[in-house]
Amino acid sequence: MENYEKECAEVFLKEQCRLLPEPAVSTLEEAMAFLEDCCAAVLGSVKEIRAYWEEEGVDLEGLSDEELLEQPEVFLLPSGKYLVVEA
């Protein structure tokens, strides 16, 4: 498991209830598989998140950068990057 993958899995395992009504994973391995299955992305900035979602067809009109970062699909990683999870 690469370091960034472990970092993502640890954060998602700990904070998954922000996004999901009930816990979906209980181990790092399950978290990695879940993130892989839902095509989660690691992005370096709010600008990258905005571009990624616009490419995916998400309507972001009127959403400030702060509001964008508060979305339940966005997880701040210890490295300062962002994990974006499509649930």
Protein backbone atom coordinates (compact mmCIF):
# COMPACT_ATOMS: atom_id res chain seq x y z
CA MET A 1 0.00 0.00 0.00
CA GLU A 2 1.52 3.32 -1.06
CA ASN A 3 1.76 6.11 1.52
CA TYR A 4 -0.86 8.33 -0.11
CA GLU A 5 -3.22 5.37 -0.38
CA LYS A 6 -2.75 4.56 3.31
CA GLU A 7 -3.30 8.24 4.20
CA CYS A 8 -6.55 8.29 2.18
CA ALA A 9 -7.78 5.03 3.67
CA GLU A 10 -7.03 6.18 7.23
CA VAL A 11 -8.86 9.49 6.77
CA PHE A 12 -11.84 7.88 5.05
CA LEU A 13 -12.09 5.12 7.66
CA LYS A 14 -12.13 7.72 10.42
CA GLU A 15 -14.47 10.25 8.75
CA GLN A 16 -16.72 8.14 6.49
CA CYS A 17 -19.88 9.05 8.44
CA ARG A 18 -19.62 12.61 7.06
CA LEU A 19 -20.55 11.13 3.69
CA LEU A 20 -22.42 7.91 4.42
CA PRO A 21 -25.40 7.35 6.74
CA GLU A 22 -23.79 4.20 8.18
CA PRO A 23 -20.18 3.01 8.22
CA ALA A 24 -19.33 1.13 5.02
CA VAL A 25 -15.84 -0.02 5.98
CA SER A 26 -14.14 -1.15 9.18
CA THR A 27 -10.53 -1.81 8.12
CA LEU A 28 -7.86 -0.04 6.09
CA GLU A 29 -8.07 -2.76 3.44
CA GLU A 30 -11.85 -2.31 3.13
CA ALA A 31 -11.40 1.47 2.94
CA MET A 32 -8.85 1.09 0.12
CA ALA A 33 -11.17 -1.21 -1.83
CA PHE A 34 -14.12 1.16 -1.32
CA LEU A 35 -12.11 4.18 -2.50
CA GLU A 36 -10.88 2.26 -5.53
CA ASP A 37 -14.40 1.06 -6.41
CA CYS A 38 -15.88 4.56 -6.27
CA CYS A 39 -12.99 6.13 -8.23
CA ALA A 40 -11.93 8.50 -5.47
CA ALA A 41 -9.45 11.19 -6.50
CA VAL A 42 -6.62 12.92 -4.65
CA LEU A 43 -6.39 16.57 -5.66
CA GLY A 44 -3.99 19.28 -4.59
CA SER A 45 -6.13 22.40 -4.37
CA VAL A 46 -9.62 23.88 -4.39
CA LYS A 47 -8.99 24.91 -8.00
CA GLU A 48 -8.29 21.26 -8.92
CA ILE A 49 -11.45 20.10 -7.09
CA ARG A 50 -13.53 22.69 -8.94
CA ALA A 51 -12.04 21.67 -12.33
CA TYR A 52 -12.53 17.95 -11.54
CA TRP A 53 -16.18 18.40 -10.62
CA GLU A 54 -16.90 20.69 -13.55
CA GLU A 55 -15.45 18.01 -15.83
CA GLU A 56 -17.78 15.50 -14.15
CA GLY A 57 -20.77 17.78 -14.84
CA VAL A 58 -21.39 18.89 -11.25
CA ASP A 59 -23.15 22.28 -11.02
CA LEU A 60 -20.96 24.50 -8.85
CA GLU A 61 -22.58 27.82 -9.72
CA GLY A 62 -22.61 30.16 -6.72
CA LEU A 63 -20.51 27.81 -4.58
CA SER A 64 -17.58 29.57 -2.89
CA ASP A 65 -14.23 27.83 -2.40
CA GLU A 66 -15.00 27.55 1.33
CA GLU A 67 -18.40 25.94 0.61
CA LEU A 68 -16.75 23.61 -1.89
CA LEU A 69 -14.34 22.37 0.79
CA GLU A 70 -17.25 21.83 3.20
CA GLN A 71 -18.96 19.34 0.87
CA PRO A 72 -19.27 15.88 2.45
CA GLU A 73 -17.41 14.32 -0.49
CA VAL A 74 -14.26 16.34 0.25
CA PHE A 75 -11.83 15.11 2.92
CA LEU A 76 -8.75 17.10 3.95
CA LEU A 77 -5.70 14.85 4.13
CA PRO A 78 -2.82 15.35 6.60
CA SER A 79 -0.54 16.05 3.63
CA GLY A 80 -2.65 19.13 2.78
CA LYS A 81 -4.19 17.51 -0.31
CA TYR A 82 -7.85 16.61 -0.68
CA LEU A 83 -9.56 13.27 -1.12
CA VAL A 84 -12.73 13.56 -3.22
CA VAL A 85 -15.06 10.57 -2.88
CA GLU A 86 -17.95 9.98 -5.27
CA ALA A 87 -20.50 8.10 -3.17
